[in-house]
Amino acid sequence: MDRYELRRLDYSLTEDHKDLQAAYRQFFKTHCDIEAVRAAEPAGFDKSLWERLCGMGATTMGLPESVGGDGATLVDLTLVAEEIGRSLAPVPWIDHVVAARLLARLGALESAEIVAGTQLVVLDPQQVAPTGTRLIPAGSIADHILVRDGEDIVRLGFSTRPAKVDNIGKLPMAWVDPGAADTRVVLASGAGALAEYQRALDEWRLLTASALVGLVEETMTIAAEFSKTRYTLGVPISTLQGISHPLANIAITVQGGRGLARRAAWFLDNEPDERPELGPSAFVFMAEGAAKAATI
């Protein structure tokens, strides 16, 4: 059997993959406990954690070697995203990495600061490009913001960053008006540029799906441990169908979402035109699953 055909069916991790994920899991366990997450809620961003994460090479790993990166695959990136979600890490890693990869594909990644993560670049992740002001998930902390304007891909800069919008997820969201930008640089134009932006949107969705896999799995772990120690009528509540069945459903969601995200990542890297629906499907599946897990 052709190795690519085999890989279409087998998404088990290699030892290198397992070591990579274990390293980042330990990193976040050490540097991103729940107290650190809560302390970062006002800004939605932990600068110290971000600097440590950049020191791990997290911002360069997904970039091509030609721009100073390590050439990691999207499957590698899903493993890091999963650990970010598991720890609720208040860092814009997904937004920055996806936007930096887009700049690299457009031949516009000329800033060593962006490569290193000392300057943050993010993008507008909405599927349909809006006109005028739009809500950007990491807009209040970004140094550069990439948006679509007709057939142009534009980089915006603001001398004063947009104000953070309060939100239930405590993200560094901000309303961004492209017309109010202090700098506006057209990076690329035409169908090819828009296709690269669409790929960036697909990457953003599948990495966000992977982060939600980690979040939901950690939710399940906490709930399962709690159910083992709480008793009612002399028996653990974990033995009750009203508890055990929802937990089983969450476990199915985690395994299904994880497989779907890794499958989407492999296809986007190796056969991007073959299964374009996988990334958005993983995103929708895990967004719905995360909402259910949060109410268990």
Protein backbone atom coordinates (compact mmCIF):
# COMPACT_ATOMS: atom_id res chain seq x y z
CA MET A 1 0.00 0.00 0.00
CA ASP A 2 1.23 3.49 -0.83
CA ARG A 3 2.41 5.24 2.34
CA TYR A 4 0.19 8.23 1.66
CA GLU A 5 -2.83 5.98 1.27
CA LEU A 6 -1.94 4.30 4.57
CA ARG A 7 -1.56 7.66 6.29
CA ARG A 8 -5.05 8.61 5.14
CA LEU A 9 -6.33 5.92 7.51
CA ASP A 10 -3.77 5.85 10.32
CA TYR A 11 -3.27 8.98 12.43
CA SER A 12 -1.44 7.42 15.36
CA LEU A 13 1.47 9.42 16.76
CA THR A 14 5.14 8.63 16.31
CA GLU A 15 7.49 8.65 19.29
CA ASP A 16 8.72 12.09 18.21
CA HIS A 17 5.14 13.35 18.22
CA LYS A 18 4.59 11.94 21.71
CA ASP A 19 7.79 13.53 23.00
CA LEU A 20 6.79 16.89 21.52
CA GLN A 21 3.37 16.82 23.12
CA ALA A 22 4.77 15.65 26.45
CA ALA A 23 7.29 18.51 26.47
CA TYR A 24 4.61 21.14 25.97
CA ARG A 25 2.26 19.48 28.45
CA GLN A 26 4.98 19.65 31.09
CA PHE A 27 5.78 23.26 30.12
CA PHE A 28 2.22 24.43 30.68
CA LYS A 29 1.84 22.34 33.82
CA THR A 30 4.90 24.12 35.22
CA HIS A 31 4.24 27.68 34.04
CA CYS A 32 0.47 27.94 33.55
CA ASP A 33 -1.49 26.81 36.58
CA ILE A 34 -5.04 28.03 37.18
CA GLU A 35 -3.80 30.94 39.32
CA ALA A 36 -1.74 32.22 36.39
CA VAL A 37 -4.74 31.91 34.08
CA ARG A 38 -6.95 33.90 36.45
CA ALA A 39 -4.30 36.56 36.98
CA ALA A 40 -4.20 37.15 33.21
CA GLU A 41 -7.97 37.61 32.86
CA PRO A 42 -8.01 41.45 32.88
CA ALA A 43 -5.75 41.68 29.81
CA GLY A 44 -6.43 38.25 28.35
CA PHE A 45 -2.69 37.85 27.89
CA ASP A 46 0.23 36.66 30.03
CA LYS A 47 3.32 38.34 28.61
CA SER A 48 5.73 36.39 30.80
CA LEU A 49 4.21 33.07 29.71
CA TRP A 50 4.35 34.20 26.08
CA GLU A 51 8.05 35.02 26.36
CA ARG A 52 8.76 31.63 27.91
CA LEU A 53 6.73 29.95 25.16
CA CYS A 54 8.69 31.80 22.48
CA GLY A 55 11.86 30.65 24.19
CA MET A 56 10.65 27.06 23.66
CA GLY A 57 10.61 27.75 19.92
CA ALA A 58 6.82 27.62 19.69
CA THR A 59 6.59 30.57 17.30
CA THR A 60 9.31 29.37 14.94
CA MET A 61 8.48 25.66 14.80
CA GLY A 62 5.70 26.02 12.23
CA LEU A 63 7.55 28.37 9.90
CA PRO A 64 9.61 27.23 6.90
CA GLU A 65 13.35 26.96 7.36
CA SER A 66 13.86 29.62 4.67
CA VAL A 67 12.62 32.31 7.08
CA GLY A 68 14.32 30.95 10.20
CA GLY A 69 11.72 28.38 11.21
CA ASP A 70 11.89 24.68 11.95
CA GLY A 71 9.52 23.38 9.27
CA ALA A 72 7.13 21.57 11.61
CA THR A 73 4.02 19.98 10.13
CA LEU A 74 0.45 20.94 10.92
CA VAL A 75 0.09 17.68 12.83
CA ASP A 76 2.94 18.87 15.08
CA LEU A 77 1.11 22.16 15.59
CA THR A 78 -2.12 20.43 16.58
CA LEU A 79 -0.25 18.77 19.45
CA VAL A 80 0.89 22.13 20.82
CA ALA A 81 -2.58 23.62 20.33
CA GLU A 82 -4.09 20.74 22.30
CA GLU A 83 -1.88 21.50 25.28
CA ILE A 84 -2.66 25.21 25.06
CA GLY A 85 -6.35 24.38 25.27
CA ARG A 86 -5.83 21.89 28.08
CA SER A 87 -4.19 24.55 30.25
CA LEU A 88 -6.35 27.51 29.07
CA ALA A 89 -3.07 29.28 28.36
CA PRO A 90 -3.67 33.05 27.93
CA VAL A 91 -1.41 33.42 24.89
CA PRO A 92 -2.31 34.17 21.23
CA TRP A 93 -0.20 31.32 19.86
CA ILE A 94 -2.72 30.04 17.32
CA ASP A 95 -3.47 33.50 15.93
CA HIS A 96 0.20 34.46 15.72
CA VAL A 97 1.47 31.23 14.18
CA VAL A 98 -1.28 31.09 11.56
CA ALA A 99 -0.74 34.74 10.59
CA ALA A 100 3.06 34.33 10.47
CA ARG A 101 2.70 31.26 8.24
CA LEU A 102 0.46 33.28 5.94
CA LEU A 103 3.08 36.02 5.73
CA ALA A 104 5.72 33.42 4.87
CA ARG A 105 3.59 31.97 2.05
CA LEU A 106 3.01 35.47 0.68
CA GLY A 107 6.74 36.20 0.78
CA ALA A 108 6.12 39.04 3.22
CA LEU A 109 7.67 37.70 6.43
CA GLU A 110 10.61 40.06 6.66
CA SER A 111 10.53 40.83 10.37
CA ALA A 112 12.76 38.82 12.68
CA GLU A 113 10.65 40.12 15.56
CA ILE A 114 7.55 38.41 14.16
CA VAL A 115 9.47 35.18 13.64
CA ALA A 116 10.72 35.30 17.23
CA GLY A 117 7.35 36.35 18.62
CA THR A 118 8.53 39.64 20.11
CA GLN A 119 6.05 41.35 17.78
CA LEU A 120 2.58 39.85 17.52
CA VAL A 121 0.81 39.40 14.22
CA VAL A 122 -2.79 38.16 14.01
CA LEU A 123 -5.50 37.92 11.38
CA ASP A 124 -9.23 38.38 10.99
CA PRO A 125 -10.53 34.78 11.21
CA GLN A 126 -14.02 35.40 9.85
CA GLN A 127 -14.92 33.25 6.86
CA VAL A 128 -16.76 36.05 5.05
CA ALA A 129 -14.67 39.21 4.94
CA PRO A 130 -16.66 42.00 6.61
CA THR A 131 -16.54 45.64 5.64
CA GLY A 132 -15.64 48.28 8.18
CA THR A 133 -15.10 47.53 11.85
CA ARG A 134 -14.67 43.88 12.80
CA LEU A 135 -14.01 41.92 16.02
CA ILE A 136 -10.48 40.44 16.14
CA PRO A 137 -9.83 37.75 18.82
CA ALA A 138 -6.36 39.07 19.75
CA GLY A 139 -6.80 42.61 18.43
CA SER A 140 -6.02 44.42 21.69
CA ILE A 141 -2.47 43.04 21.96
CA ALA A 142 -1.43 42.72 18.30
CA ASP A 143 1.33 44.76 16.69
CA HIS A 144 0.15 43.85 13.18
CA ILE A 145 -3.28 42.73 11.95
CA LEU A 146 -3.88 41.00 8.61
CA VAL A 147 -7.24 41.51 6.90
CA ARG A 148 -8.82 41.10 3.48
CA ASP A 149 -9.89 44.20 1.59
CA GLY A 150 -11.52 43.18 -1.66
CA GLU A 151 -8.85 41.19 -3.50
CA ASP A 152 -6.03 42.59 -1.35
CA ILE A 153 -4.36 41.13 1.72
CA VAL A 154 -3.50 44.09 3.93
CA ARG A 155 -1.33 44.50 7.02
CA LEU A 156 -2.61 47.11 9.47
CA GLY A 157 -0.71 48.86 12.23
CA PHE A 158 -1.96 51.11 15.04
CA SER A 159 0.10 53.55 17.09
CA THR A 160 -2.42 52.99 19.89
CA ARG A 161 -3.77 49.48 20.16
CA PRO A 162 -7.56 49.07 20.09
CA ALA A 163 -9.24 48.74 23.49
CA LYS A 164 -10.01 45.27 24.81
CA VAL A 165 -13.66 44.24 24.68
CA ASP A 166 -14.94 42.43 27.75
CA ASN A 167 -15.99 38.90 26.90
CA ILE A 168 -16.88 35.72 28.75
CA GLY A 169 -13.79 33.91 27.45
CA LYS A 170 -11.45 36.66 28.72
CA LEU A 171 -9.75 36.83 25.32
CA PRO A 172 -7.86 39.98 24.27
CA MET A 173 -10.61 40.81 21.78
CA ALA A 174 -10.96 44.24 20.23
CA TRP A 175 -13.06 46.01 17.65
CA VAL A 176 -10.74 46.97 14.82
CA ASP A 177 -11.53 49.60 12.20
CA PRO A 178 -9.18 49.25 9.21
CA GLY A 179 -9.97 52.81 8.23
CA ALA A 180 -8.47 54.06 11.50
CA ALA A 181 -5.13 52.28 11.04
CA ASP A 182 -1.99 54.41 11.16
CA THR A 183 -0.22 52.18 8.64
CA ARG A 184 -1.72 50.14 5.82
CA VAL A 185 0.44 47.93 3.60
CA VAL A 186 -0.92 45.83 0.73
CA LEU A 187 0.98 42.53 0.93
CA ALA A 188 -0.55 40.68 -2.03
CA SER A 189 -3.54 40.80 -4.35
CA GLY A 190 -5.61 38.53 -6.55
CA ALA A 191 -7.04 35.04 -6.46
CA GLY A 192 -3.78 33.43 -5.35
CA ALA A 193 -3.47 35.74 -2.35
CA LEU A 194 -7.08 35.14 -1.33
CA ALA A 195 -6.51 31.37 -1.62
CA GLU A 196 -3.57 31.64 0.78
CA TYR A 197 -5.73 33.61 3.20
CA GLN A 198 -8.38 30.90 2.98
CA ARG A 199 -5.74 28.32 3.85
CA ALA A 200 -4.84 30.42 6.89
CA LEU A 201 -8.50 30.40 7.93
CA ASP A 202 -8.56 26.60 7.61
CA GLU A 203 -5.41 26.34 9.73
CA TRP A 204 -6.90 28.66 12.35
CA ARG A 205 -10.01 26.51 12.57
CA LEU A 206 -8.26 23.17 12.84
CA LEU A 207 -5.77 24.44 15.45
CA THR A 208 -8.63 25.98 17.42
CA ALA A 209 -10.42 22.62 17.17
CA SER A 210 -7.31 20.94 18.61
CA ALA A 211 -7.21 23.45 21.46
CA LEU A 212 -10.84 22.63 22.21
CA VAL A 213 -9.95 18.92 22.24
CA GLY A 214 -7.47 19.61 25.04
CA LEU A 215 -9.94 21.82 26.89
CA VAL A 216 -12.75 19.26 26.70
CA GLU A 217 -10.47 16.38 27.72
CA GLU A 218 -9.31 18.30 30.78
CA THR A 219 -12.94 19.12 31.61
CA MET A 220 -13.75 15.43 31.39
CA THR A 221 -10.79 14.50 33.60
CA ILE A 222 -11.81 16.97 36.31
CA ALA A 223 -15.44 15.84 36.19
CA ALA A 224 -14.50 12.16 36.29
CA GLU A 225 -12.22 12.62 39.31
CA PHE A 226 -14.92 14.61 41.09
CA SER A 227 -17.53 11.95 40.40
CA LYS A 228 -15.32 9.27 41.97
CA THR A 229 -15.13 11.05 45.32
CA ARG A 230 -18.71 12.32 45.68
CA TYR A 231 -21.29 9.95 47.12
CA THR A 232 -25.05 9.87 47.19
CA LEU A 233 -27.11 7.22 49.00
CA GLY A 234 -23.86 5.46 49.81
CA VAL A 235 -22.59 5.06 46.24
CA PRO A 236 -20.23 7.16 44.10
CA ILE A 237 -22.16 9.47 41.79
CA SER A 238 -20.01 8.09 38.96
CA THR A 239 -22.15 4.95 39.07
CA LEU A 240 -25.30 6.89 38.19
CA GLN A 241 -26.34 6.92 34.55
CA GLY A 242 -27.06 10.64 34.70
CA ILE A 243 -23.33 11.17 35.38
CA SER A 244 -21.59 8.29 33.64
CA HIS A 245 -23.41 8.56 30.32
CA PRO A 246 -22.59 12.26 29.73
CA LEU A 247 -18.96 11.53 30.65
CA ALA A 248 -18.90 8.70 28.12
CA ASN A 249 -20.31 11.05 25.49
CA ILE A 250 -17.55 13.56 26.23
CA ALA A 251 -14.91 10.84 25.85
CA ILE A 252 -16.35 10.00 22.43
CA THR A 253 -16.28 13.70 21.50
CA VAL A 254 -12.62 13.98 22.49
CA GLN A 255 -11.53 10.96 20.48
CA GLY A 256 -13.63 11.90 17.47
CA GLY A 257 -12.52 15.52 17.47
CA ARG A 258 -8.88 14.63 17.94
CA GLY A 259 -8.91 12.20 15.02
CA LEU A 260 -10.78 14.66 12.81
CA ALA A 261 -8.34 17.49 13.58
CA ARG A 262 -5.27 15.36 12.92
CA ARG A 263 -6.79 14.05 9.71
CA ALA A 264 -7.56 17.61 8.62
CA ALA A 265 -3.99 18.67 9.43
CA TRP A 266 -2.46 15.84 7.40
CA PHE A 267 -4.63 16.52 4.37
CA LEU A 268 -4.00 20.27 4.51
CA ASP A 269 -0.25 19.61 4.54
CA ASN A 270 -0.14 16.85 1.94
CA GLU A 271 -3.30 16.96 -0.20
CA PRO A 272 -4.85 20.39 0.44
CA ASP A 273 -7.32 20.16 -2.44
CA GLU A 274 -8.59 16.70 -1.55
CA ARG A 275 -10.61 17.17 1.67
CA PRO A 276 -11.03 20.91 2.30
CA GLU A 277 -14.09 20.36 4.48
CA LEU A 278 -12.17 18.57 7.25
CA GLY A 279 -10.76 21.65 9.00
CA PRO A 280 -14.07 23.53 9.26
CA SER A 281 -15.81 20.28 10.23
CA ALA A 282 -13.39 19.72 13.11
CA PHE A 283 -13.95 23.30 14.26
CA VAL A 284 -17.74 23.03 14.27
CA PHE A 285 -17.70 19.58 15.88
CA MET A 286 -15.47 20.65 18.76
CA ALA A 287 -17.16 24.03 19.24
CA GLU A 288 -20.45 22.21 19.79
CA GLY A 289 -18.77 19.54 21.93
CA ALA A 290 -17.04 22.11 24.13
CA ALA A 291 -20.32 23.89 24.82
CA LYS A 292 -21.89 20.62 25.95
CA ALA A 293 -18.87 19.66 28.07
CA ALA A 294 -18.97 23.01 29.86
CA THR A 295 -22.47 22.27 31.15
CA ILE A 296 -21.94 18.72 32.39
